[in-house]
Amino acid sequence: MTARIIKCFDKYDDSTMSDYLSMVARDIEDSLIQCGATPGKDYTYKDVFDWSVSVLAARQKPLE
């Protein structure tokens, strides 16, 4: 099993930004590992969180 850099928690509260960001980061890392990426070599914490913020920003509705 590949070591992860993003900790998996038993419970998340998707109404909080920190937990939601952690869930997205975890899912992104799952995809990277599934495709053969190695933590620390192919990506870093900063990479995963930058991508997570981009995903969340893309999902936001514009202010009306």
Protein backbone atom coordinates (compact mmCIF):
# COMPACT_ATOMS: atom_id res chain seq x y z
CA MET A 1 0.00 0.00 0.00
CA THR A 2 1.27 3.44 -0.93
CA ALA A 3 1.82 5.87 1.94
CA ARG A 4 -0.52 8.84 1.80
CA ILE A 5 0.21 12.47 2.62
CA ILE A 6 -3.45 13.36 3.27
CA LYS A 7 -4.85 11.77 6.41
CA CYS A 8 -8.17 9.96 6.06
CA PHE A 9 -10.65 10.64 8.84
CA ASP A 10 -13.54 8.46 9.97
CA LYS A 11 -15.98 11.37 10.00
CA TYR A 12 -16.27 14.58 8.02
CA ASP A 13 -18.64 17.53 8.33
CA ASP A 14 -19.20 18.74 4.79
CA SER A 15 -20.80 21.92 6.10
CA THR A 16 -17.37 23.21 7.17
CA MET A 17 -14.84 24.49 4.65
CA SER A 18 -11.88 22.77 6.36
CA ASP A 19 -13.53 19.35 6.31
CA TYR A 20 -14.85 19.81 2.78
CA LEU A 21 -11.40 20.86 1.57
CA SER A 22 -9.91 17.79 3.30
CA MET A 23 -12.43 15.53 1.56
CA VAL A 24 -11.59 16.96 -1.86
CA ALA A 25 -7.86 16.67 -1.15
CA ARG A 26 -8.31 13.05 -0.05
CA ASP A 27 -10.24 12.24 -3.24
CA ILE A 28 -7.61 13.92 -5.40
CA GLU A 29 -4.87 11.94 -3.69
CA ASP A 30 -6.87 8.72 -4.14
CA SER A 31 -6.96 9.43 -7.89
CA LEU A 32 -3.25 10.19 -8.04
CA ILE A 33 -2.34 6.98 -6.21
CA GLN A 34 -4.74 4.97 -8.37
CA CYS A 35 -2.90 6.28 -11.43
CA GLY A 36 0.49 5.31 -9.98
CA ALA A 37 1.71 8.61 -8.54
CA THR A 38 4.08 8.56 -5.57
CA PRO A 39 3.54 11.00 -2.69
CA GLY A 40 6.46 13.39 -2.20
CA LYS A 41 7.87 12.50 -5.61
CA ASP A 42 5.02 13.25 -8.00
CA TYR A 43 3.03 15.64 -5.76
CA THR A 44 3.18 17.50 -2.46
CA TYR A 45 0.72 18.76 0.16
CA LYS A 46 0.76 22.14 -1.57
CA ASP A 47 -0.02 20.57 -4.95
CA VAL A 48 -2.99 18.64 -3.57
CA PHE A 49 -4.42 21.63 -1.72
CA ASP A 50 -3.88 23.97 -4.67
CA TRP A 51 -5.83 21.53 -6.85
CA SER A 52 -8.51 21.17 -4.16
CA VAL A 53 -9.02 24.92 -3.94
CA SER A 54 -9.27 25.08 -7.74
CA VAL A 55 -11.92 22.34 -7.76
CA LEU A 56 -13.93 24.07 -5.04
CA ALA A 57 -13.63 27.47 -6.74
CA ALA A 58 -14.86 26.01 -10.04
CA ARG A 59 -17.94 24.63 -8.29
CA GLN A 60 -18.94 27.95 -6.71
CA LYS A 61 -21.87 29.82 -8.18
CA PRO A 62 -21.14 33.42 -9.15
CA LEU A 63 -22.54 36.11 -6.86
CA GLU A 64 -25.75 37.56 -8.16
